[in-house]
Amino acid sequence: MKKLLSVFLSVLMVAELAACGNTKQDVTTGEGFVPALDTSTSCHINFAGGYDNFEALEAEFDRFNEYYPNVELTYTKIDDYNNMIGMVLNGNDAPDIYVNYSWMYGRDQYSSSIEHAEDLSDPALGLDLGCIRSNIILNTDDGSLPMVPIFSNTYGMLVNNDLFEKEGLEVPTTYTELVEVCEAFRAKGYESPLMGYTQEETTSLYTVSIYPYYCGTVADDPDAVAALNSLDPSAGEYLRPSLEKIDAFVNDCGIDMGVCGEIENNYDAVILRFFEGDVPMMTASGDTVSGTAKRESRSEAFAVNPFSYTFVPVPMSDDGATFLDMSNLQFSVNKDSENLDMANEFMRFLITSEELSNMAQLKGLMSPTKDLSFNSMYAAFGEVPESRILSLEEIGLTDDAINQMRQAVYEVGTGSMSIDEAVAGYGSLDQ
């Protein structure tokens, strides 16, 4: 009996230790990701993209390997990605999963990026598409889904929360409040309460501030969108409200064009200037904001006097701010992949609110998920009412039309053109 009892206890202890050391036990209860394939499967899944490094994705590789330890996942950076991805997909070393963009859809020169993509809307794949904000999912003519958003993007302004607290001011949520806050900061000795990049039109202070507002003026007018997309010169009139607003904005907020003009680029220079700590508000895109965390240690001023900061919408209307919701980067699965089942399994693992939010936070970008409270940096956008959330996917403005808007507001904002001249020049402003 003693010998039998001893053997029984030994077996029990081994079983308990094995259970404690096996992380997969946590996912067999019906909660979280549950592997659908043989976890001993060995294969290689290759990802392709244009980033120099993709640490956030590689972190997901490690998490996926907790379930499939014998699956090798690698990321390959392709030079001149937008022009080369079609050739790569048609070659012998085509990736299993690759970066894609909504703007490639419908353009002949990027047809391969769509033609090689698996339809990810197939229910058999089991992707949790319901966790993603539906307004940034690509709407195709045939109802297929060649790509899924991994990160999203928007425009807004970095806010130095410590300065607002120090001066007893509230972060503005309406245009009137924005003007009043700028006046209050100037009265307290701040020479440039609101700044931004002004050296070119693409992500200038003018574009970043007015783009969401502009989309709001045409979002419910399909005739306006059609005219703007056709680059009809008469469509310039649809720009007039936005041009008048940007002209007033520059004057009402007392923006110092000379000081803003000293910012050399829309990324490093914007971030490092904001980190000097004397600028309450700095307009920026989400792409720029993604680089802030890594540059905190590169700013001597921030290292000496760190402060709390967040990213919020620019309120260009007294009705409140508009959240222009855009996909930033998307993933497609190569339907000709030799390891298609495992590629789809990784996508099923990744497309969840938790994994997408983890990945976005590591990259510093906005998550495409419905819950934005995961990252306090972008939480303010999650508080914008649904009625004021707009998506380019739903509005339907083309890149050519958007480029005309950018050029027009830049010319008016810098004083190079009058409002009437910019309106009349629609369709040929960047030619």
Protein backbone atom coordinates (compact mmCIF):
# COMPACT_ATOMS: atom_id res chain seq x y z
CA MET A 1 0.00 0.00 0.00
CA LYS A 2 2.81 2.43 0.85
CA LYS A 3 4.48 1.69 -2.49
CA LEU A 4 1.22 2.18 -4.42
CA LEU A 5 0.49 5.43 -2.58
CA SER A 6 3.98 6.71 -3.33
CA VAL A 7 3.61 5.96 -7.05
CA PHE A 8 0.17 7.63 -7.11
CA LEU A 9 1.50 10.81 -5.46
CA SER A 10 4.46 10.96 -7.83
CA VAL A 11 2.22 10.69 -10.89
CA LEU A 12 -0.07 13.39 -9.48
CA MET A 13 2.84 15.78 -8.87
CA VAL A 14 4.20 15.28 -12.39
CA ALA A 15 0.74 15.93 -13.86
CA GLU A 16 0.34 19.14 -11.83
CA LEU A 17 3.79 20.40 -12.80
CA ALA A 18 3.10 19.69 -16.47
CA ALA A 19 -0.16 21.57 -16.27
CA CYS A 20 1.54 24.58 -14.66
CA GLY A 21 4.20 24.69 -17.35
CA ASN A 22 1.88 24.30 -20.33
CA THR A 23 0.61 27.72 -21.39
CA LYS A 24 -1.75 26.19 -23.93
CA GLN A 25 -3.92 24.93 -21.10
CA ASP A 26 -5.20 28.49 -20.70
CA VAL A 27 -6.70 28.54 -24.18
CA THR A 28 -8.59 25.25 -24.11
CA THR A 29 -11.32 26.64 -21.86
CA GLY A 30 -13.12 28.43 -24.68
CA GLU A 31 -11.63 31.86 -23.95
CA GLY A 32 -9.10 33.53 -26.19
CA PHE A 33 -7.36 31.98 -29.19
CA VAL A 34 -7.70 28.22 -29.58
CA PRO A 35 -5.44 26.52 -32.16
CA ALA A 36 -7.37 24.92 -35.00
CA LEU A 37 -4.43 23.09 -36.60
CA ASP A 38 -1.92 20.53 -35.39
CA THR A 39 0.31 22.54 -33.03
CA SER A 40 3.33 20.42 -33.99
CA THR A 41 3.12 21.62 -37.60
CA SER A 42 6.44 22.83 -39.05
CA CYS A 43 6.46 25.44 -41.83
CA HIS A 44 7.74 28.88 -42.78
CA ILE A 45 5.46 31.93 -43.12
CA ASN A 46 7.01 34.98 -44.75
CA PHE A 47 5.62 38.52 -44.48
CA ALA A 48 6.49 41.36 -46.85
CA GLY A 49 6.21 45.09 -46.27
CA GLY A 50 7.93 48.43 -46.68
CA TYR A 51 8.92 49.17 -43.08
CA ASP A 52 12.62 49.06 -42.30
CA ASN A 53 11.78 47.14 -39.15
CA PHE A 54 8.54 45.78 -37.82
CA GLU A 55 9.13 45.08 -34.15
CA ALA A 56 5.42 45.15 -33.34
CA LEU A 57 4.76 42.35 -35.83
CA GLU A 58 7.73 40.34 -34.59
CA ALA A 59 6.28 40.53 -31.08
CA GLU A 60 3.16 38.88 -32.49
CA PHE A 61 5.36 36.19 -34.03
CA ASP A 62 6.60 35.35 -30.53
CA ARG A 63 3.07 35.20 -29.16
CA PHE A 64 1.92 32.97 -32.03
CA ASN A 65 4.87 30.64 -31.40
CA GLU A 66 3.48 29.95 -27.94
CA TYR A 67 0.80 27.98 -29.77
CA TYR A 68 2.77 26.83 -32.80
CA PRO A 69 6.43 26.55 -31.71
CA ASN A 70 7.59 24.92 -34.95
CA VAL A 71 6.25 27.62 -37.29
CA GLU A 72 8.99 29.99 -38.42
CA LEU A 73 7.71 33.50 -39.13
CA THR A 74 9.88 36.11 -40.81
CA TYR A 75 9.41 39.64 -42.07
CA THR A 76 11.10 40.88 -45.26
CA LYS A 77 11.45 44.56 -46.07
CA ILE A 78 11.05 45.31 -49.80
CA ASP A 79 12.64 48.45 -51.20
CA ASP A 80 10.32 50.69 -53.22
CA TYR A 81 7.51 48.53 -51.88
CA ASN A 82 4.55 50.13 -53.67
CA ASN A 83 6.14 49.66 -57.09
CA MET A 84 7.78 46.30 -56.40
CA ILE A 85 5.12 44.29 -54.54
CA GLY A 86 3.41 43.22 -57.79
CA MET A 87 6.65 41.82 -59.19
CA VAL A 88 7.41 40.08 -55.89
CA LEU A 89 3.98 38.44 -55.78
CA ASN A 90 4.46 37.16 -59.32
CA GLY A 91 7.92 35.79 -58.51
CA ASN A 92 9.14 32.48 -57.10
CA ASP A 93 9.64 33.78 -53.55
CA ALA A 94 6.22 35.38 -53.10
CA PRO A 95 5.28 36.14 -49.47
CA ASP A 96 2.52 34.30 -47.66
CA ILE A 97 1.15 37.50 -46.09
CA TYR A 98 1.86 40.99 -47.34
CA VAL A 99 1.10 44.65 -46.63
CA ASN A 100 -1.63 46.18 -48.75
CA TYR A 101 -3.35 49.56 -49.03
CA SER A 102 -6.91 50.56 -49.87
CA TRP A 103 -5.70 53.17 -52.34
CA MET A 104 -4.19 50.40 -54.50
CA TYR A 105 -7.64 49.00 -55.18
CA GLY A 106 -8.95 49.93 -58.62
CA ARG A 107 -5.59 51.07 -59.99
CA ASP A 108 -4.19 49.02 -62.87
CA GLN A 109 -0.57 49.42 -61.78
CA TYR A 110 -1.35 47.74 -58.45
CA SER A 111 -3.71 45.06 -59.75
CA SER A 112 -1.41 42.21 -58.65
CA SER A 113 -1.74 43.22 -54.99
CA ILE A 114 -5.49 42.67 -55.30
CA GLU A 115 -5.52 39.69 -57.66
CA HIS A 116 -3.22 37.63 -55.43
CA ALA A 117 -5.23 38.38 -52.29
CA GLU A 118 -7.47 35.80 -50.68
CA ASP A 119 -11.03 36.83 -49.84
CA LEU A 120 -10.77 37.33 -46.09
CA SER A 121 -14.52 37.79 -45.70
CA ASP A 122 -15.03 34.03 -46.11
CA PRO A 123 -16.73 32.90 -42.85
CA ALA A 124 -14.83 29.60 -43.04
CA LEU A 125 -11.61 31.48 -42.17
CA GLY A 126 -13.00 32.47 -38.77
CA LEU A 127 -11.57 36.00 -38.66
CA ASP A 128 -13.18 38.23 -36.02
CA LEU A 129 -13.90 41.09 -38.42
CA GLY A 130 -16.53 42.38 -35.99
CA CYS A 131 -13.78 43.76 -33.71
CA ILE A 132 -12.70 46.23 -36.42
CA ARG A 133 -14.40 49.56 -37.09
CA SER A 134 -16.50 48.75 -40.14
CA ASN A 135 -16.07 52.19 -41.72
CA ILE A 136 -12.37 51.57 -42.46
CA ILE A 137 -12.88 48.16 -44.07
CA LEU A 138 -12.43 48.36 -47.84
CA ASN A 139 -15.67 48.22 -49.82
CA THR A 140 -15.05 46.40 -53.11
CA ASP A 141 -17.36 46.19 -56.11
CA ASP A 142 -17.81 42.42 -55.77
CA GLY A 143 -18.15 42.38 -51.98
CA SER A 144 -14.89 40.49 -51.42
CA LEU A 145 -12.33 41.53 -48.80
CA PRO A 146 -8.77 41.42 -50.15
CA MET A 147 -7.23 43.11 -47.11
CA VAL A 148 -7.87 43.72 -43.42
CA PRO A 149 -6.82 46.88 -41.49
CA ILE A 150 -3.97 46.33 -39.05
CA PHE A 151 -3.36 49.96 -38.09
CA SER A 152 -5.45 53.08 -38.59
CA ASN A 153 -4.59 56.74 -38.93
CA THR A 154 -6.09 60.18 -38.49
CA TYR A 155 -5.20 63.85 -38.10
CA GLY A 156 -5.19 65.92 -34.93
CA MET A 157 -2.88 67.73 -32.55
CA LEU A 158 -0.45 66.73 -29.84
CA VAL A 159 -1.39 68.38 -26.56
CA ASN A 160 0.97 69.18 -23.70
CA ASN A 161 -1.35 68.23 -20.84
CA ASP A 162 1.02 69.60 -18.19
CA LEU A 163 0.89 73.11 -19.68
CA PHE A 164 -2.90 73.05 -19.76
CA GLU A 165 -2.99 71.94 -16.12
CA LYS A 166 -0.34 74.48 -15.09
CA GLU A 167 -2.27 77.36 -16.65
CA GLY A 168 -5.69 76.15 -15.48
CA LEU A 169 -7.02 75.65 -19.01
CA GLU A 170 -9.11 72.88 -20.58
CA VAL A 171 -8.26 71.11 -23.82
CA PRO A 172 -10.64 72.66 -26.40
CA THR A 173 -13.48 70.63 -27.90
CA THR A 174 -15.06 73.37 -30.09
CA TYR A 175 -13.66 75.99 -32.44
CA THR A 176 -14.62 78.84 -30.12
CA GLU A 177 -12.84 77.12 -27.25
CA LEU A 178 -9.77 76.60 -29.44
CA VAL A 179 -9.58 80.30 -30.28
CA GLU A 180 -10.11 81.25 -26.61
CA VAL A 181 -7.41 78.83 -25.45
CA CYS A 182 -4.92 80.27 -27.94
CA GLU A 183 -5.71 83.79 -26.72
CA ALA A 184 -5.37 82.69 -23.08
CA PHE A 185 -1.98 81.10 -23.68
CA ARG A 186 -0.70 84.17 -25.52
CA ALA A 187 -1.87 86.35 -22.62
CA LYS A 188 0.20 84.14 -20.32
CA GLY A 189 3.33 84.68 -22.39
CA TYR A 190 3.28 81.75 -24.81
CA GLU A 191 4.34 83.13 -28.17
CA SER A 192 3.14 80.17 -30.26
CA PRO A 193 0.28 78.31 -28.52
CA LEU A 194 -0.49 76.32 -31.67
CA MET A 195 2.14 75.20 -34.17
CA GLY A 196 2.62 72.76 -37.03
CA TYR A 197 4.66 71.89 -40.08
CA THR A 198 4.20 74.33 -43.00
CA GLN A 199 6.92 73.64 -45.58
CA GLU A 200 4.83 71.47 -47.93
CA GLU A 201 1.18 70.70 -48.46
CA THR A 202 0.85 66.94 -47.87
CA THR A 203 0.78 66.96 -44.07
CA SER A 204 1.00 70.67 -43.45
CA LEU A 205 -0.67 72.40 -40.53
CA TYR A 206 -3.37 73.48 -42.97
CA THR A 207 -4.16 70.00 -44.29
CA VAL A 208 -4.01 68.35 -40.87
CA SER A 209 -6.41 70.92 -39.43
CA ILE A 210 -8.95 71.24 -42.25
CA TYR A 211 -9.04 67.76 -43.85
CA PRO A 212 -11.60 66.27 -41.42
CA TYR A 213 -13.72 69.45 -41.59
CA TYR A 214 -13.60 69.43 -45.40
CA CYS A 215 -14.76 65.82 -45.56
CA GLY A 216 -17.67 66.75 -43.33
CA THR A 217 -18.81 69.42 -45.80
CA VAL A 218 -19.19 66.92 -48.67
CA ALA A 219 -19.80 63.60 -46.91
CA ASP A 220 -23.56 63.64 -47.49
CA ASP A 221 -23.45 65.10 -50.98
CA PRO A 222 -22.70 62.42 -53.63
CA ASP A 223 -23.02 65.00 -56.42
CA ALA A 224 -20.29 67.07 -54.80
CA VAL A 225 -18.04 64.03 -54.44
CA ALA A 226 -18.59 63.07 -58.09
CA ALA A 227 -17.77 66.60 -59.28
CA LEU A 228 -14.68 66.81 -57.07
CA ASN A 229 -13.45 63.42 -58.28
CA SER A 230 -13.88 64.45 -61.92
CA LEU A 231 -11.67 67.50 -61.21
CA ASP A 232 -14.33 69.70 -62.76
CA PRO A 233 -13.15 73.32 -62.26
CA SER A 234 -16.66 74.29 -61.12
CA ALA A 235 -16.26 71.84 -58.21
CA GLY A 236 -13.87 74.32 -56.65
CA GLU A 237 -16.88 75.98 -55.06
CA TYR A 238 -17.22 72.95 -52.78
CA LEU A 239 -13.85 73.94 -51.31
CA ARG A 240 -14.89 77.46 -50.44
CA PRO A 241 -16.22 76.75 -46.88
CA SER A 242 -12.98 74.97 -45.99
CA LEU A 243 -10.81 77.67 -47.51
CA GLU A 244 -12.68 80.35 -45.59
CA LYS A 245 -12.29 78.31 -42.41
CA ILE A 246 -8.53 77.78 -42.80
CA ASP A 247 -8.05 81.49 -43.53
CA ALA A 248 -9.95 82.37 -40.35
CA PHE A 249 -8.14 79.66 -38.39
CA VAL A 250 -4.68 81.07 -39.12
CA ASN A 251 -5.78 84.53 -38.02
CA ASP A 252 -8.06 83.59 -35.11
CA CYS A 253 -5.45 81.34 -33.49
CA GLY A 254 -2.60 83.78 -34.13
CA ILE A 255 -0.42 81.17 -35.81
CA ASP A 256 3.14 82.43 -36.24
CA MET A 257 4.04 81.42 -39.80
CA GLY A 258 7.70 82.31 -39.34
CA VAL A 259 8.18 80.09 -36.29
CA CYS A 260 6.29 77.21 -37.90
CA GLY A 261 8.39 77.59 -41.03
CA GLU A 262 11.50 76.72 -39.01
CA ILE A 263 10.25 73.13 -38.52
CA GLU A 264 12.23 71.22 -41.14
CA ASN A 265 10.12 68.10 -41.61
CA ASN A 266 6.78 66.62 -40.60
CA TYR A 267 8.23 63.83 -38.42
CA ASP A 268 11.40 64.15 -36.35
CA ALA A 269 11.40 67.94 -36.38
CA VAL A 270 7.73 68.19 -35.40
CA ILE A 271 8.19 65.77 -32.51
CA LEU A 272 11.42 67.29 -31.20
CA ARG A 273 10.02 70.82 -31.41
CA PHE A 274 6.97 69.74 -29.43
CA PHE A 275 9.25 68.09 -26.85
CA GLU A 276 10.88 71.45 -26.15
CA GLY A 277 7.94 71.79 -23.76
CA ASP A 278 6.82 75.34 -24.57
CA VAL A 279 4.21 74.48 -27.23
CA PRO A 280 0.74 73.72 -25.86
CA MET A 281 -0.59 72.30 -29.16
CA MET A 282 1.18 70.86 -32.23
CA THR A 283 -0.76 69.64 -35.27
CA ALA A 284 0.31 66.23 -36.54
CA SER A 285 -0.77 63.06 -38.29
CA GLY A 286 -1.05 59.73 -36.54
CA ASP A 287 2.06 58.59 -38.42
CA THR A 288 4.03 61.35 -36.74
CA VAL A 289 2.57 60.55 -33.33
CA SER A 290 3.73 56.94 -33.72
CA GLY A 291 7.32 58.15 -33.46
CA THR A 292 6.99 60.08 -30.20
CA ALA A 293 7.83 57.34 -27.69
CA LYS A 294 11.14 56.45 -29.36
CA ARG A 295 12.15 60.09 -29.51
CA GLU A 296 11.58 60.98 -25.89
CA SER A 297 15.14 59.90 -25.07
CA ARG A 298 16.52 61.85 -28.04
CA SER A 299 15.17 65.16 -26.77
CA GLU A 300 17.44 66.77 -24.18
CA ALA A 301 14.63 69.12 -23.15
CA PHE A 302 12.14 66.28 -22.63
CA ALA A 303 14.71 64.21 -20.73
CA VAL A 304 15.21 67.10 -18.28
CA ASN A 305 11.55 68.11 -18.07
CA PRO A 306 9.27 65.26 -19.21
CA PHE A 307 5.57 65.96 -19.49
CA SER A 308 2.29 64.18 -20.18
CA TYR A 309 0.94 64.44 -23.72
CA THR A 310 -1.92 63.02 -25.75
CA PHE A 311 -3.29 63.22 -29.29
CA VAL A 312 -6.71 64.83 -29.80
CA PRO A 313 -8.86 66.01 -32.74
CA VAL A 314 -8.55 69.62 -33.89
CA PRO A 315 -11.98 71.18 -33.24
CA MET A 316 -12.69 73.23 -36.36
CA SER A 317 -16.42 73.60 -35.69
CA ASP A 318 -18.55 74.72 -32.78
CA ASP A 319 -20.48 71.48 -33.24
CA GLY A 320 -17.35 69.66 -32.08
CA ALA A 321 -14.36 67.93 -33.60
CA THR A 322 -14.56 65.51 -36.53
CA PHE A 323 -12.71 62.20 -36.43
CA LEU A 324 -11.47 61.38 -39.94
CA ASP A 325 -10.98 57.62 -39.64
CA MET A 326 -8.54 56.12 -42.16
CA SER A 327 -6.87 52.75 -42.55
CA ASN A 328 -3.11 53.08 -42.28
CA LEU A 329 -1.80 49.66 -43.22
CA GLN A 330 -3.55 46.43 -44.13
CA PHE A 331 -2.62 42.77 -44.47
CA SER A 332 -3.51 40.46 -47.33
CA VAL A 333 -3.02 36.70 -47.53
CA ASN A 334 -1.50 35.37 -50.73
CA LYS A 335 -4.12 32.90 -51.99
CA ASP A 336 -1.33 30.94 -53.74
CA SER A 337 0.66 30.46 -50.53
CA GLU A 338 2.09 26.96 -50.10
CA ASN A 339 1.17 27.21 -46.42
CA LEU A 340 -2.23 28.82 -46.84
CA ASP A 341 -3.84 27.07 -43.86
CA MET A 342 -1.16 28.30 -41.45
CA ALA A 343 -1.16 31.80 -42.97
CA ASN A 344 -4.91 31.95 -42.35
CA GLU A 345 -4.37 30.59 -38.85
CA PHE A 346 -1.99 33.45 -38.06
CA MET A 347 -4.54 35.94 -39.37
CA ARG A 348 -7.23 34.35 -37.21
CA PHE A 349 -4.88 34.75 -34.24
CA LEU A 350 -4.05 38.37 -35.08
CA ILE A 351 -7.49 39.72 -35.98
CA THR A 352 -8.81 40.12 -32.46
CA SER A 353 -9.27 43.24 -30.39
CA GLU A 354 -6.51 42.25 -27.97
CA GLU A 355 -3.81 41.35 -30.50
CA LEU A 356 -4.50 44.29 -32.82
CA SER A 357 -4.46 46.69 -29.87
CA ASN A 358 -1.21 45.18 -28.55
CA MET A 359 0.40 45.52 -31.94
CA ALA A 360 -0.82 49.08 -32.49
CA GLN A 361 0.40 50.19 -29.08
CA LEU A 362 3.86 48.74 -29.72
CA LYS A 363 3.99 50.49 -33.10
CA GLY A 364 2.58 53.71 -31.63
CA LEU A 365 -0.25 53.87 -34.15
CA MET A 366 -4.00 53.92 -33.66
CA SER A 367 -5.71 50.55 -33.41
CA PRO A 368 -8.36 49.70 -36.04
CA THR A 369 -10.53 48.15 -33.32
CA LYS A 370 -13.80 49.53 -32.01
CA ASP A 371 -12.36 50.04 -28.51
CA LEU A 372 -9.82 52.87 -28.47
CA SER A 373 -9.54 53.06 -24.68
CA PHE A 374 -6.70 50.52 -24.81
CA ASN A 375 -4.21 53.31 -25.57
CA SER A 376 -4.65 56.58 -23.67
CA MET A 377 -2.75 58.43 -26.40
CA TYR A 378 -5.72 58.07 -28.76
CA ALA A 379 -8.57 57.76 -26.25
CA ALA A 380 -9.99 61.20 -27.14
CA PHE A 381 -10.90 59.96 -30.62
CA GLY A 382 -12.96 57.18 -29.07
CA GLU A 383 -15.09 59.86 -27.39
CA VAL A 384 -16.11 61.53 -30.67
CA PRO A 385 -19.82 60.89 -31.36
CA GLU A 386 -20.53 58.42 -34.14
CA SER A 387 -22.27 61.15 -36.13
CA ARG A 388 -18.93 62.99 -36.39
CA ILE A 389 -16.79 60.00 -37.41
CA LEU A 390 -16.08 60.04 -41.14
CA SER A 391 -14.32 57.55 -43.39
CA LEU A 392 -12.76 58.04 -46.80
CA GLU A 393 -13.86 54.50 -47.67
CA GLU A 394 -17.47 55.59 -47.28
CA ILE A 395 -17.21 59.13 -48.69
CA GLY A 396 -15.44 58.01 -51.85
CA LEU A 397 -13.09 60.93 -52.53
CA THR A 398 -10.21 59.95 -54.82
CA ASP A 399 -6.54 60.69 -54.19
CA ASP A 400 -6.58 63.22 -57.05
CA ALA A 401 -9.44 65.13 -55.45
CA ILE A 402 -7.73 65.07 -52.06
CA ASN A 403 -4.50 66.36 -53.59
CA GLN A 404 -6.40 69.33 -55.04
CA MET A 405 -7.84 70.11 -51.61
CA ARG A 406 -4.41 69.92 -49.99
CA GLN A 407 -2.89 72.25 -52.53
CA ALA A 408 -5.77 74.71 -52.30
CA VAL A 409 -5.70 75.04 -48.51
CA TYR A 410 -1.91 75.27 -48.57
CA GLU A 411 -1.97 78.14 -51.08
CA VAL A 412 -4.64 79.99 -49.09
CA GLY A 413 -3.09 79.22 -45.72
CA THR A 414 0.33 80.52 -46.74
CA GLY A 415 -1.19 83.54 -48.45
CA SER A 416 0.07 82.51 -51.91
CA MET A 417 -3.46 82.59 -53.33
CA SER A 418 -6.71 84.25 -52.49
CA ILE A 419 -9.74 82.10 -51.79
CA ASP A 420 -11.26 83.03 -55.16
CA GLU A 421 -8.04 82.11 -57.00
CA ALA A 422 -7.85 78.71 -55.29
CA VAL A 423 -11.51 78.00 -56.03
CA ALA A 424 -11.08 78.92 -59.70
CA GLY A 425 -7.94 76.83 -60.02
CA TYR A 426 -9.47 73.57 -58.85
CA GLY A 427 -8.40 70.68 -61.03
CA SER A 428 -5.06 72.18 -62.04
CA LEU A 429 -3.57 73.40 -58.76
CA ASP A 430 -0.77 70.84 -58.63
CA GLN A 431 0.03 70.84 -62.34
